[in-house]
Structure formats: C-alpha cells, structure tokens
Amino acid sequence: MAHTRFAPDRGLTSRMVLTMFLLGLLYVVFVGVLISLGVHAVTVLVIAGAMLLVQYFMSDRIALFAMHGRVVSPQEAPELHGVIDRLCAMADMPKPRVAIADSDVPNAFATGRNQKNAVVCATTGLLRRLDRAELEGVLAHEMSHVAHRDVAVMTIASFLGIVAGLMTRVALYSGLGGRRDNQNGPPIGLIVMLVSVLVYAISFLLTRALSRYRELAADRAGALLTQRPSALASALVKVSGDMARIPTRDLREAEPFNAFFFAPALAGGRAGASLASLLATHPPLDRRLDQLRRISGQLGQGV
C-alpha cells in the first residue's frame, strides 16, 4: 500500500488476512478436486481470469457507467472538489478524479485499482442532504478505500467465486453430467456441480465477511483522519434514515452496487438478524455506530 496518513487497524487487518488465506486455501483444494476428477478446467480458468482482469483494470469506468456518473471539474462542483482537496492534503495522497451521479439515492462510492486510477463519486441525493462536515466524513471513508486498495483486494477475492460459478454452469449445460468413472459410479458432472456449488457458497460468505471488515476499517480510518467520528455517525444515521423514504424501485435498481456504496441501498437487517448479517456487504448500522462511539471516547468526544 502506498504511504498515506490513514490509520491502520491491526485487528481488522489480521481478520482480513485470515479471510484471504482461507479463500486461497479453498481455491487450491477446489482445483485439486477438479484435477482428481479428471476435469480439464483450463478454459474456465482462462475465462474467469479474463473477467477478473477486465474488472480489475476497468472497475472505475464500469462503475461510473453503471451509476450514470460523470467526472466533474472544480468549476462544476467547487464544494465537492474543496472537500476532496482538503482530505487529500490531510491524508498525503494524490487527488482522485471527482464525479457526481445523478440519483436521489443518498450514497457515495470509490473505485479504481490504485490511487492513480481512482475516482470518488457522490450522488446528487447525498450532496443535497449532508452538511459539509458530514460530507467530509463520508468522503474520508471512501478515500480510505482508495488508500487501502480495497477495490483491488475485493476483485482478487471474488476470483474463486467466478471460477466456481462458471464450473457449475459447465457441469449443468455440458455433457459432463453423464460421464462416470465406471458404469456403476456416480456422474462426474454431478460431483463437480455439487463441489462447485459448495465452494461458491463458502467463497461468497468469506468475500462478504471481507467486505464487512473493510467497511469497518474505512469507517475507522476516515473518522481518525478527520477527527470527527460524530460527523460520520451523523451521516450514517441520516443516509440510512433517508434511504427508507426512497421508492423501493429506485433502491432495487441501485442494490447491485451495494458492495461499492458507503451504505447499502437495501439493508439486510439489524444486528440481530444473523442470516441477513452473514449475507450483507456492510456491517449492521448499530455496529458501525458503536465503533464510532468508541473512537469518540478515545478522542475525548461524544457521538
């Protein structure tokens, strides 16, 4: 990671490293099972690798296109650029491209494989609802993602899921399902499909856990950079509350981009909903606010 003034979090980092290790171990086991079954998965790996490279090198363009965002100049959005300029100076990092998405869904996202290719985007709905301190907190959170190369990490983490998903489709739609090791043995295709589904499910849960860790780390780093955890907490409460007033149709259109967003367009429930929490891209609101309260206590402030 390039040097910045964003604070590291050893506890969260260790959990993220463990998650990445488990994903790597799962990948090795999966490939080993495929080889032992005599499955030639080279084509699948090549396709998955190509998809990974496209996502890695073009994540900024893809996200902006999908969210109808456009890069804006300082003349077009002076306040937004002013906040980004201040955060870049505080964090000692290069300035990303600044974009605005015309959407009433109050949100923001950052993408790009590294600091030189990053873009930070805020929706018009977010800009209308937050004051300057709250906006600074949200954008500090997003720029922490850039500083810690979270898009690259999550893209690499998603590779195993892509491979497992493709292998499931190959087993379903090719002639592999009828092949047997011997006349009385089970179909190889059925075994491949079941193993692929299991690997996909495990990698999905691990990737979602990694995503939640990185959101908590971004909250912490952003709050410590600005020294205003209360402003970030206020923005979280305001965005989450206002999201409930947005038409469900608009939220469902934005939901596929939850992994990018500052706050999910459709939250899966609060801390008590264990299944929803396991499947969520973001930690429950209560957990995020609790962490910000602890940071406020460490700084001698209050949320």
C-alpha atoms as a PDB file:
ATOM      1  CA  MET A   1       0.000   0.000   0.000  1.00  0.00           C
ATOM      2  CA  ALA A   2       1.266   3.495  -0.847  1.00  0.00           C
ATOM      3  CA  HIS A   3       2.040   5.702   2.142  1.00  0.00           C
ATOM      4  CA  THR A   4      -0.864   7.777   3.444  1.00  0.00           C
ATOM      5  CA  ARG A   5      -1.913   9.170   6.812  1.00  0.00           C
ATOM      6  CA  PHE A   6      -4.957   6.917   7.042  1.00  0.00           C
ATOM      7  CA  ALA A   7      -4.716   4.984  10.302  1.00  0.00           C
ATOM      8  CA  PRO A   8      -4.150   1.207  10.065  1.00  0.00           C
ATOM      9  CA  ASP A   9      -6.246  -1.237  12.086  1.00  0.00           C
ATOM     10  CA  ARG A  10      -4.245  -4.311  13.106  1.00  0.00           C
ATOM     11  CA  GLY A  11      -7.252  -6.213  14.429  1.00  0.00           C
ATOM     12  CA  LEU A  12      -9.288  -5.820  11.275  1.00  0.00           C
ATOM     13  CA  THR A  13      -6.224  -6.346   9.099  1.00  0.00           C
ATOM     14  CA  SER A  14      -5.470  -9.688  10.760  1.00  0.00           C
ATOM     15  CA  ARG A  15      -9.058 -10.834  10.148  1.00  0.00           C
ATOM     16  CA  MET A  16      -8.863  -9.737   6.530  1.00  0.00           C
ATOM     17  CA  VAL A  17      -5.556 -11.599   6.046  1.00  0.00           C
ATOM     18  CA  LEU A  18      -7.103 -14.735   7.568  1.00  0.00           C
ATOM     19  CA  THR A  19     -10.100 -14.441   5.231  1.00  0.00           C
ATOM     20  CA  MET A  20      -7.852 -14.061   2.178  1.00  0.00           C
ATOM     21  CA  PHE A  21      -5.785 -17.067   3.338  1.00  0.00           C
ATOM     22  CA  LEU A  22      -8.940 -19.194   3.647  1.00  0.00           C
ATOM     23  CA  LEU A  23     -10.055 -18.127   0.167  1.00  0.00           C
ATOM     24  CA  GLY A  24      -6.651 -19.095  -1.236  1.00  0.00           C
ATOM     25  CA  LEU A  25      -6.721 -22.444   0.561  1.00  0.00           C
ATOM     26  CA  LEU A  26     -10.238 -23.104  -0.723  1.00  0.00           C
ATOM     27  CA  TYR A  27      -9.077 -22.330  -4.259  1.00  0.00           C
ATOM     28  CA  VAL A  28      -6.200 -24.812  -4.019  1.00  0.00           C
ATOM     29  CA  VAL A  29      -8.494 -27.534  -2.663  1.00  0.00           C
ATOM     30  CA  PHE A  30     -11.095 -26.837  -5.371  1.00  0.00           C
ATOM     31  CA  VAL A  31      -8.582 -27.067  -8.201  1.00  0.00           C
ATOM     32  CA  GLY A  32      -7.145 -30.225  -6.641  1.00  0.00           C
ATOM     33  CA  VAL A  33     -10.605 -31.843  -6.568  1.00  0.00           C
ATOM     34  CA  LEU A  34     -11.202 -30.917 -10.227  1.00  0.00           C
ATOM     35  CA  ILE A  35      -7.856 -32.412 -11.266  1.00  0.00           C
ATOM     36  CA  SER A  36      -8.519 -35.596  -9.285  1.00  0.00           C
ATOM     37  CA  LEU A  37     -11.847 -35.967 -11.097  1.00  0.00           C
ATOM     38  CA  GLY A  38     -10.095 -35.637 -14.442  1.00  0.00           C
ATOM     39  CA  VAL A  39     -11.837 -32.358 -15.278  1.00  0.00           C
ATOM     40  CA  HIS A  40      -9.966 -30.063 -17.656  1.00  0.00           C
ATOM     41  CA  ALA A  41     -10.792 -26.639 -16.202  1.00  0.00           C
ATOM     42  CA  VAL A  42      -8.253 -24.638 -18.221  1.00  0.00           C
ATOM     43  CA  THR A  43     -10.926 -22.919 -20.329  1.00  0.00           C
ATOM     44  CA  VAL A  44     -12.916 -21.981 -17.226  1.00  0.00           C
ATOM     45  CA  LEU A  45      -9.806 -20.580 -15.530  1.00  0.00           C
ATOM     46  CA  VAL A  46      -8.917 -18.560 -18.638  1.00  0.00           C
ATOM     47  CA  ILE A  47     -12.431 -17.091 -18.888  1.00  0.00           C
ATOM     48  CA  ALA A  48     -12.510 -16.324 -15.159  1.00  0.00           C
ATOM     49  CA  GLY A  49      -9.053 -14.741 -15.406  1.00  0.00           C
ATOM     50  CA  ALA A  50     -10.167 -12.572 -18.316  1.00  0.00           C
ATOM     51  CA  MET A  51     -13.238 -11.431 -16.374  1.00  0.00           C
ATOM     52  CA  LEU A  52     -11.035 -10.662 -13.383  1.00  0.00           C
ATOM     53  CA  LEU A  53      -8.640  -8.564 -15.483  1.00  0.00           C
ATOM     54  CA  VAL A  54     -11.482  -6.594 -17.060  1.00  0.00           C
ATOM     55  CA  GLN A  55     -12.972  -5.920 -13.644  1.00  0.00           C
ATOM     56  CA  TYR A  56      -9.559  -5.029 -12.188  1.00  0.00           C
ATOM     57  CA  PHE A  57      -8.435  -2.620 -14.895  1.00  0.00           C
ATOM     58  CA  MET A  58     -11.810  -1.098 -15.789  1.00  0.00           C
ATOM     59  CA  SER A  59     -13.646  -1.008 -12.451  1.00  0.00           C
ATOM     60  CA  ASP A  60     -13.724   2.804 -12.433  1.00  0.00           C
ATOM     61  CA  ARG A  61     -15.255   3.071 -15.917  1.00  0.00           C
ATOM     62  CA  ILE A  62     -17.701   0.233 -15.306  1.00  0.00           C
ATOM     63  CA  ALA A  63     -18.925   1.724 -12.018  1.00  0.00           C
ATOM     64  CA  LEU A  64     -19.345   5.231 -13.431  1.00  0.00           C
ATOM     65  CA  PHE A  65     -21.184   3.933 -16.498  1.00  0.00           C
ATOM     66  CA  ALA A  66     -23.494   1.728 -14.428  1.00  0.00           C
ATOM     67  CA  MET A  67     -24.297   4.518 -11.957  1.00  0.00           C
ATOM     68  CA  HIS A  68     -24.653   7.204 -14.662  1.00  0.00           C
ATOM     69  CA  GLY A  69     -21.852   9.150 -13.028  1.00  0.00           C
ATOM     70  CA  ARG A  70     -19.715  11.761 -14.739  1.00  0.00           C
ATOM     71  CA  VAL A  71     -16.390  13.299 -13.829  1.00  0.00           C
ATOM     72  CA  VAL A  72     -16.814  16.965 -12.863  1.00  0.00           C
ATOM     73  CA  SER A  73     -14.354  19.847 -12.857  1.00  0.00           C
ATOM     74  CA  PRO A  74     -13.681  22.191  -9.902  1.00  0.00           C
ATOM     75  CA  GLN A  75     -15.743  24.834 -11.704  1.00  0.00           C
ATOM     76  CA  GLU A  76     -18.744  22.493 -11.926  1.00  0.00           C
ATOM     77  CA  ALA A  77     -18.588  21.265  -8.321  1.00  0.00           C
ATOM     78  CA  PRO A  78     -16.401  23.626  -6.261  1.00  0.00           C
ATOM     79  CA  GLU A  79     -17.623  22.472  -2.815  1.00  0.00           C
ATOM     80  CA  LEU A  80     -17.153  18.788  -3.597  1.00  0.00           C
ATOM     81  CA  HIS A  81     -13.675  19.419  -5.009  1.00  0.00           C
ATOM     82  CA  GLY A  82     -12.859  21.565  -1.987  1.00  0.00           C
ATOM     83  CA  VAL A  83     -13.665  18.723   0.416  1.00  0.00           C
ATOM     84  CA  ILE A  84     -11.627  16.249  -1.656  1.00  0.00           C
ATOM     85  CA  ASP A  85      -8.678  18.674  -1.840  1.00  0.00           C
ATOM     86  CA  ARG A  86      -8.711  19.089   1.944  1.00  0.00           C
ATOM     87  CA  LEU A  87      -8.851  15.328   2.539  1.00  0.00           C
ATOM     88  CA  CYS A  88      -6.012  14.686   0.076  1.00  0.00           C
ATOM     89  CA  ALA A  89      -3.850  17.221   1.911  1.00  0.00           C
ATOM     90  CA  MET A  90      -4.730  15.657   5.285  1.00  0.00           C
ATOM     91  CA  ALA A  91      -4.088  12.114   4.029  1.00  0.00           C
ATOM     92  CA  ASP A  92      -0.999  12.991   1.955  1.00  0.00           C
ATOM     93  CA  MET A  93      -2.302  11.178  -1.114  1.00  0.00           C
ATOM     94  CA  PRO A  94      -2.838  12.107  -4.777  1.00  0.00           C
ATOM     95  CA  LYS A  95      -6.194  13.546  -5.735  1.00  0.00           C
ATOM     96  CA  PRO A  96      -8.597  11.077  -7.357  1.00  0.00           C
ATOM     97  CA  ARG A  97     -10.976  12.034 -10.111  1.00  0.00           C
ATOM     98  CA  VAL A  98     -14.165  13.542  -8.723  1.00  0.00           C
ATOM     99  CA  ALA A  99     -17.557  12.505 -10.086  1.00  0.00           C
ATOM    100  CA  ILE A 100     -21.251  13.065  -9.464  1.00  0.00           C
ATOM    101  CA  ALA A 101     -24.048  10.582 -10.180  1.00  0.00           C
ATOM    102  CA  ASP A 102     -27.492  11.990 -10.851  1.00  0.00           C
ATOM    103  CA  SER A 103     -29.506   9.897  -8.388  1.00  0.00           C
ATOM    104  CA  ASP A 104     -31.752  10.744  -5.461  1.00  0.00           C
ATOM    105  CA  VAL A 105     -30.407   7.688  -3.580  1.00  0.00           C
ATOM    106  CA  PRO A 106     -28.087   9.310  -0.998  1.00  0.00           C
ATOM    107  CA  ASN A 107     -24.788   7.491  -1.393  1.00  0.00           C
ATOM    108  CA  ALA A 108     -21.153   7.636  -2.463  1.00  0.00           C
ATOM    109  CA  PHE A 109     -18.571   5.191  -3.739  1.00  0.00           C
ATOM    110  CA  ALA A 110     -14.906   4.981  -4.650  1.00  0.00           C
ATOM    111  CA  THR A 111     -13.370   2.678  -7.200  1.00  0.00           C
ATOM    112  CA  GLY A 112     -10.172   2.167  -9.160  1.00  0.00           C
ATOM    113  CA  ARG A 113      -7.350  -0.330  -8.808  1.00  0.00           C
ATOM    114  CA  ASN A 114      -4.917   2.156  -7.207  1.00  0.00           C
ATOM    115  CA  GLN A 115      -4.566   5.775  -6.166  1.00  0.00           C
ATOM    116  CA  LYS A 116      -3.526   6.935  -9.637  1.00  0.00           C
ATOM    117  CA  ASN A 117      -6.595   5.390 -11.274  1.00  0.00           C
ATOM    118  CA  ALA A 118      -9.165   6.164  -8.587  1.00  0.00           C
ATOM    119  CA  VAL A 119     -12.456   8.004  -8.784  1.00  0.00           C
ATOM    120  CA  VAL A 120     -14.631   9.168  -5.885  1.00  0.00           C
ATOM    121  CA  CYS A 121     -18.286   9.705  -6.732  1.00  0.00           C
ATOM    122  CA  ALA A 122     -21.144  11.233  -4.744  1.00  0.00           C
ATOM    123  CA  THR A 123     -24.794  11.179  -5.748  1.00  0.00           C
ATOM    124  CA  THR A 124     -26.835  14.346  -6.056  1.00  0.00           C
ATOM    125  CA  GLY A 125     -29.098  12.934  -3.344  1.00  0.00           C
ATOM    126  CA  LEU A 126     -26.154  12.762  -0.928  1.00  0.00           C
ATOM    127  CA  LEU A 127     -24.942  16.273  -1.753  1.00  0.00           C
ATOM    128  CA  ARG A 128     -28.413  17.694  -1.085  1.00  0.00           C
ATOM    129  CA  ARG A 129     -28.816  16.022   2.308  1.00  0.00           C
ATOM    130  CA  LEU A 130     -25.475  16.344   4.101  1.00  0.00           C
ATOM    131  CA  ASP A 131     -23.729  19.357   5.571  1.00  0.00           C
ATOM    132  CA  ARG A 132     -20.048  19.913   4.881  1.00  0.00           C
ATOM    133  CA  ALA A 133     -18.744  18.066   7.963  1.00  0.00           C
ATOM    134  CA  GLU A 134     -20.939  15.038   7.242  1.00  0.00           C
ATOM    135  CA  LEU A 135     -19.924  15.045   3.579  1.00  0.00           C
ATOM    136  CA  GLU A 136     -16.267  15.197   4.614  1.00  0.00           C
ATOM    137  CA  GLY A 137     -16.769  12.158   6.852  1.00  0.00           C
ATOM    138  CA  VAL A 138     -18.378  10.137   4.053  1.00  0.00           C
ATOM    139  CA  LEU A 139     -15.712  11.081   1.527  1.00  0.00           C
ATOM    140  CA  ALA A 140     -12.932  10.316   4.038  1.00  0.00           C
ATOM    141  CA  HIS A 141     -14.456   6.842   4.363  1.00  0.00           C
ATOM    142  CA  GLU A 142     -14.442   6.440   0.573  1.00  0.00           C
ATOM    143  CA  MET A 143     -10.898   7.729   0.170  1.00  0.00           C
ATOM    144  CA  SER A 144      -9.755   5.239   2.800  1.00  0.00           C
ATOM    145  CA  HIS A 145     -10.961   2.529   0.402  1.00  0.00           C
ATOM    146  CA  VAL A 146      -8.727   4.083  -2.262  1.00  0.00           C
ATOM    147  CA  ALA A 147      -5.725   4.357   0.065  1.00  0.00           C
ATOM    148  CA  HIS A 148      -6.039   0.729   1.155  1.00  0.00           C
ATOM    149  CA  ARG A 149      -6.673  -0.541  -2.409  1.00  0.00           C
ATOM    150  CA  ASP A 150      -9.899  -2.175  -1.343  1.00  0.00           C
ATOM    151  CA  VAL A 151     -11.251  -2.464  -4.899  1.00  0.00           C
ATOM    152  CA  ALA A 152      -8.195  -4.491  -5.932  1.00  0.00           C
ATOM    153  CA  VAL A 153      -8.466  -6.688  -2.831  1.00  0.00           C
ATOM    154  CA  MET A 154     -12.177  -7.401  -3.340  1.00  0.00           C
ATOM    155  CA  THR A 155     -11.678  -8.046  -7.055  1.00  0.00           C
ATOM    156  CA  ILE A 156      -8.998 -10.638  -6.355  1.00  0.00           C
ATOM    157  CA  ALA A 157     -11.127 -12.159  -3.566  1.00  0.00           C
ATOM    158  CA  SER A 158     -14.033 -12.601  -5.978  1.00  0.00           C
ATOM    159  CA  PHE A 159     -11.971 -14.745  -8.395  1.00  0.00           C
ATOM    160  CA  LEU A 160     -12.757 -18.065  -6.701  1.00  0.00           C
ATOM    161  CA  GLY A 161     -16.482 -17.331  -6.785  1.00  0.00           C
ATOM    162  CA  ILE A 162     -16.275 -16.606 -10.517  1.00  0.00           C
ATOM    163  CA  VAL A 163     -14.467 -19.909 -11.156  1.00  0.00           C
ATOM    164  CA  ALA A 164     -16.932 -21.915  -9.043  1.00  0.00           C
ATOM    165  CA  GLY A 165     -19.906 -20.245 -10.709  1.00  0.00           C
ATOM    166  CA  LEU A 166     -18.567 -20.981 -14.178  1.00  0.00           C
ATOM    167  CA  MET A 167     -17.802 -24.599 -13.267  1.00  0.00           C
ATOM    168  CA  THR A 168     -21.379 -25.027 -12.018  1.00  0.00           C
ATOM    169  CA  ARG A 169     -22.699 -23.815 -15.366  1.00  0.00           C
ATOM    170  CA  VAL A 170     -20.289 -26.045 -17.281  1.00  0.00           C
ATOM    171  CA  ALA A 171     -21.479 -29.075 -15.310  1.00  0.00           C
ATOM    172  CA  LEU A 172     -25.118 -28.147 -15.892  1.00  0.00           C
ATOM    173  CA  TYR A 173     -25.045 -27.313 -19.585  1.00  0.00           C
ATOM    174  CA  SER A 174     -22.319 -29.551 -20.987  1.00  0.00           C
ATOM    175  CA  GLY A 175     -22.181 -33.297 -21.489  1.00  0.00           C
ATOM    176  CA  LEU A 176     -20.121 -33.611 -18.323  1.00  0.00           C
ATOM    177  CA  GLY A 177     -23.173 -34.617 -16.286  1.00  0.00           C
ATOM    178  CA  GLY A 178     -23.436 -38.011 -17.963  1.00  0.00           C
ATOM    179  CA  ARG A 179     -19.801 -39.028 -17.567  1.00  0.00           C
ATOM    180  CA  ARG A 180     -18.948 -41.681 -14.998  1.00  0.00           C
ATOM    181  CA  ASP A 181     -15.683 -43.059 -13.652  1.00  0.00           C
ATOM    182  CA  ASN A 182     -17.164 -46.510 -14.206  1.00  0.00           C
ATOM    183  CA  GLN A 183     -20.520 -47.916 -15.121  1.00  0.00           C
ATOM    184  CA  ASN A 184     -21.758 -48.065 -11.535  1.00  0.00           C
ATOM    185  CA  GLY A 185     -20.168 -44.843 -10.266  1.00  0.00           C
ATOM    186  CA  PRO A 186     -21.923 -41.502  -9.824  1.00  0.00           C
ATOM    187  CA  PRO A 187     -21.798 -38.993 -12.701  1.00  0.00           C
ATOM    188  CA  ILE A 188     -18.642 -36.878 -12.591  1.00  0.00           C
ATOM    189  CA  GLY A 189     -20.698 -33.860 -13.623  1.00  0.00           C
ATOM    190  CA  LEU A 190     -22.945 -34.215 -10.581  1.00  0.00           C
ATOM    191  CA  ILE A 191     -19.935 -34.330  -8.258  1.00  0.00           C
ATOM    192  CA  VAL A 192     -18.355 -31.303  -9.979  1.00  0.00           C
ATOM    193  CA  MET A 193     -21.619 -29.374  -9.747  1.00  0.00           C
ATOM    194  CA  LEU A 194     -22.099 -30.146  -6.042  1.00  0.00           C
ATOM    195  CA  VAL A 195     -18.476 -29.303  -5.202  1.00  0.00           C
ATOM    196  CA  SER A 196     -18.695 -26.090  -7.250  1.00  0.00           C
ATOM    197  CA  VAL A 197     -21.905 -25.011  -5.527  1.00  0.00           C
ATOM    198  CA  LEU A 198     -20.357 -25.686  -2.108  1.00  0.00           C
ATOM    199  CA  VAL A 199     -17.160 -23.793  -2.999  1.00  0.00           C
ATOM    200  CA  TYR A 200     -19.205 -20.901  -4.395  1.00  0.00           C
ATOM    201  CA  ALA A 201     -21.277 -20.686  -1.209  1.00  0.00           C
ATOM    202  CA  ILE A 202     -18.218 -20.740   1.067  1.00  0.00           C
ATOM    203  CA  SER A 203     -16.302 -18.201  -1.056  1.00  0.00           C
ATOM    204  CA  PHE A 204     -19.398 -15.978  -1.167  1.00  0.00           C
ATOM    205  CA  LEU A 205     -19.656 -15.935   2.632  1.00  0.00           C
ATOM    206  CA  LEU A 206     -15.906 -15.314   3.052  1.00  0.00           C
ATOM    207  CA  THR A 207     -15.956 -12.487   0.496  1.00  0.00           C
ATOM    208  CA  ARG A 208     -18.939 -10.870   2.204  1.00  0.00           C
ATOM    209  CA  ALA A 209     -17.140 -11.132   5.556  1.00  0.00           C
ATOM    210  CA  LEU A 210     -14.090  -9.488   3.993  1.00  0.00           C
ATOM    211  CA  SER A 211     -16.311  -6.704   2.618  1.00  0.00           C
ATOM    212  CA  ARG A 212     -17.781  -6.025   6.063  1.00  0.00           C
ATOM    213  CA  TYR A 213     -14.305  -5.915   7.639  1.00  0.00           C
ATOM    214  CA  ARG A 214     -13.166  -3.395   5.050  1.00  0.00           C
ATOM    215  CA  GLU A 215     -16.200  -1.176   5.659  1.00  0.00           C
ATOM    216  CA  LEU A 216     -15.449  -1.097   9.383  1.00  0.00           C
ATOM    217  CA  ALA A 217     -11.798  -0.342   8.642  1.00  0.00           C
ATOM    218  CA  ALA A 218     -12.819   2.514   6.298  1.00  0.00           C
ATOM    219  CA  ASP A 219     -15.148   3.975   8.953  1.00  0.00           C
ATOM    220  CA  ARG A 220     -12.349   3.897  11.497  1.00  0.00           C
ATOM    221  CA  ALA A 221      -9.689   5.318   9.180  1.00  0.00           C
ATOM    222  CA  GLY A 222     -11.990   8.079   7.919  1.00  0.00           C
ATOM    223  CA  ALA A 223     -13.078   9.068  11.423  1.00  0.00           C
ATOM    224  CA  LEU A 224      -9.498   9.220  12.704  1.00  0.00           C
ATOM    225  CA  LEU A 225      -8.321  11.208   9.690  1.00  0.00           C
ATOM    226  CA  THR A 226     -10.975  13.919  10.096  1.00  0.00           C
ATOM    227  CA  GLN A 227     -11.018  13.634  13.918  1.00  0.00           C
ATOM    228  CA  ARG A 228     -14.811  13.906  13.630  1.00  0.00           C
ATOM    229  CA  PRO A 229     -16.360  10.483  14.230  1.00  0.00           C
ATOM    230  CA  SER A 230     -19.584  12.230  15.252  1.00  0.00           C
ATOM    231  CA  ALA A 231     -19.926  13.751  11.769  1.00  0.00           C
ATOM    232  CA  LEU A 232     -19.528  10.349  10.139  1.00  0.00           C
ATOM    233  CA  ALA A 233     -22.040   8.844  12.580  1.00  0.00           C
ATOM    234  CA  SER A 234     -24.493  11.642  11.799  1.00  0.00           C
ATOM    235  CA  ALA A 235     -24.071  10.997   8.075  1.00  0.00           C
ATOM    236  CA  LEU A 236     -24.661   7.267   8.576  1.00  0.00           C
ATOM    237  CA  VAL A 237     -27.871   7.882  10.522  1.00  0.00           C
ATOM    238  CA  LYS A 238     -29.095  10.474   8.041  1.00  0.00           C
ATOM    239  CA  VAL A 239     -28.307   8.392   4.947  1.00  0.00           C
ATOM    240  CA  SER A 240     -29.803   5.215   6.429  1.00  0.00           C
ATOM    241  CA  GLY A 241     -32.930   7.044   7.561  1.00  0.00           C
ATOM    242  CA  ASP A 242     -33.461   8.886   4.282  1.00  0.00           C
ATOM    243  CA  MET A 243     -32.890   5.677   2.327  1.00  0.00           C
ATOM    244  CA  ALA A 244     -36.128   4.348   3.784  1.00  0.00           C
ATOM    245  CA  ARG A 245     -38.009   7.204   2.118  1.00  0.00           C
ATOM    246  CA  ILE A 246     -36.657   6.442  -1.353  1.00  0.00           C
ATOM    247  CA  PRO A 247     -39.045   4.493  -3.638  1.00  0.00           C
ATOM    248  CA  THR A 248     -38.305   0.749  -3.458  1.00  0.00           C
ATOM    249  CA  ARG A 249     -37.950   0.570  -7.245  1.00  0.00           C
ATOM    250  CA  ASP A 250     -35.075   3.082  -7.179  1.00  0.00           C
ATOM    251  CA  LEU A 251     -33.392   1.229  -4.324  1.00  0.00           C
ATOM    252  CA  ARG A 252     -33.637  -2.096  -6.163  1.00  0.00           C
ATOM    253  CA  GLU A 253     -32.001  -0.529  -9.211  1.00  0.00           C
ATOM    254  CA  ALA A 254     -29.117   0.610  -7.022  1.00  0.00           C
ATOM    255  CA  GLU A 255     -28.900  -2.595  -4.946  1.00  0.00           C
ATOM    256  CA  PRO A 256     -26.468  -4.448  -7.295  1.00  0.00           C
ATOM    257  CA  PHE A 257     -23.863  -1.769  -6.447  1.00  0.00           C
ATOM    258  CA  ASN A 258     -24.152  -2.201  -2.656  1.00  0.00           C
ATOM    259  CA  ALA A 259     -20.592  -3.512  -2.410  1.00  0.00           C
ATOM    260  CA  PHE A 260     -19.324  -0.154  -3.745  1.00  0.00           C
ATOM    261  CA  PHE A 261     -21.597   2.080  -1.680  1.00  0.00           C
ATOM    262  CA  PHE A 262     -20.991   3.944   1.562  1.00  0.00           C
ATOM    263  CA  ALA A 263     -24.268   2.469   2.860  1.00  0.00           C
ATOM    264  CA  PRO A 264     -26.302  -0.352   1.284  1.00  0.00           C
ATOM    265  CA  ALA A 265     -29.280   0.713  -0.816  1.00  0.00           C
ATOM    266  CA  LEU A 266     -31.357  -2.090   0.713  1.00  0.00           C
ATOM    267  CA  ALA A 267     -30.082  -3.129   4.109  1.00  0.00           C
ATOM    268  CA  GLY A 268     -30.470  -6.759   5.112  1.00  0.00           C
ATOM    269  CA  GLY A 269     -31.497  -6.055   8.684  1.00  0.00           C
ATOM    270  CA  ARG A 270     -30.053  -5.017  12.004  1.00  0.00           C
ATOM    271  CA  ALA A 271     -27.507  -6.734  14.215  1.00  0.00           C
ATOM    272  CA  GLY A 272     -29.981  -9.355  15.468  1.00  0.00           C
ATOM    273  CA  ALA A 273     -30.746 -10.721  12.016  1.00  0.00           C
ATOM    274  CA  SER A 274     -27.891 -13.251  11.889  1.00  0.00           C
ATOM    275  CA  LEU A 275     -28.600 -14.670   8.424  1.00  0.00           C
ATOM    276  CA  ALA A 276     -29.017 -11.226   6.880  1.00  0.00           C
ATOM    277  CA  SER A 277     -25.786 -10.116   8.564  1.00  0.00           C
ATOM    278  CA  LEU A 278     -23.899 -13.069   7.071  1.00  0.00           C
ATOM    279  CA  LEU A 279     -25.089 -12.205   3.559  1.00  0.00           C
ATOM    280  CA  ALA A 280     -24.660  -8.429   3.861  1.00  0.00           C
ATOM    281  CA  THR A 281     -21.922  -6.397   2.171  1.00  0.00           C
ATOM    282  CA  HIS A 282     -21.879  -3.932   5.092  1.00  0.00           C
ATOM    283  CA  PRO A 283     -21.936  -4.348   8.878  1.00  0.00           C
ATOM    284  CA  PRO A 284     -25.229  -3.528  10.611  1.00  0.00           C
ATOM    285  CA  LEU A 285     -25.754   0.169  11.299  1.00  0.00           C
ATOM    286  CA  ASP A 286     -25.631  -0.441  15.065  1.00  0.00           C
ATOM    287  CA  ARG A 287     -22.175  -1.998  14.832  1.00  0.00           C
ATOM    288  CA  ARG A 288     -20.826   0.871  12.751  1.00  0.00           C
ATOM    289  CA  LEU A 289     -22.233   3.443  15.177  1.00  0.00           C
ATOM    290  CA  ASP A 290     -20.867   1.534  18.185  1.00  0.00           C
ATOM    291  CA  GLN A 291     -17.380   1.607  16.678  1.00  0.00           C
ATOM    292  CA  LEU A 292     -17.655   5.355  16.055  1.00  0.00           C
ATOM    293  CA  ARG A 293     -18.785   5.881  19.662  1.00  0.00           C
ATOM    294  CA  ARG A 294     -15.702   4.038  20.888  1.00  0.00           C
ATOM    295  CA  ILE A 295     -13.474   6.172  18.678  1.00  0.00           C
ATOM    296  CA  SER A 296     -15.176   9.295  20.020  1.00  0.00           C
ATOM    297  CA  GLY A 297     -14.439   8.085  23.539  1.00  0.00           C
ATOM    298  CA  GLN A 298     -10.780   7.579  22.648  1.00  0.00           C
ATOM    299  CA  LEU A 299     -10.639  11.107  21.256  1.00  0.00           C
ATOM    300  CA  GLY A 300     -12.461  12.548  24.281  1.00  0.00           C
ATOM    301  CA  GLN A 301     -15.510  13.439  22.221  1.00  0.00           C
ATOM    302  CA  GLY A 302     -19.106  12.253  22.138  1.00  0.00           C
ATOM    303  CA  VAL A 303     -21.357  10.936  19.388  1.00  0.00           C
END
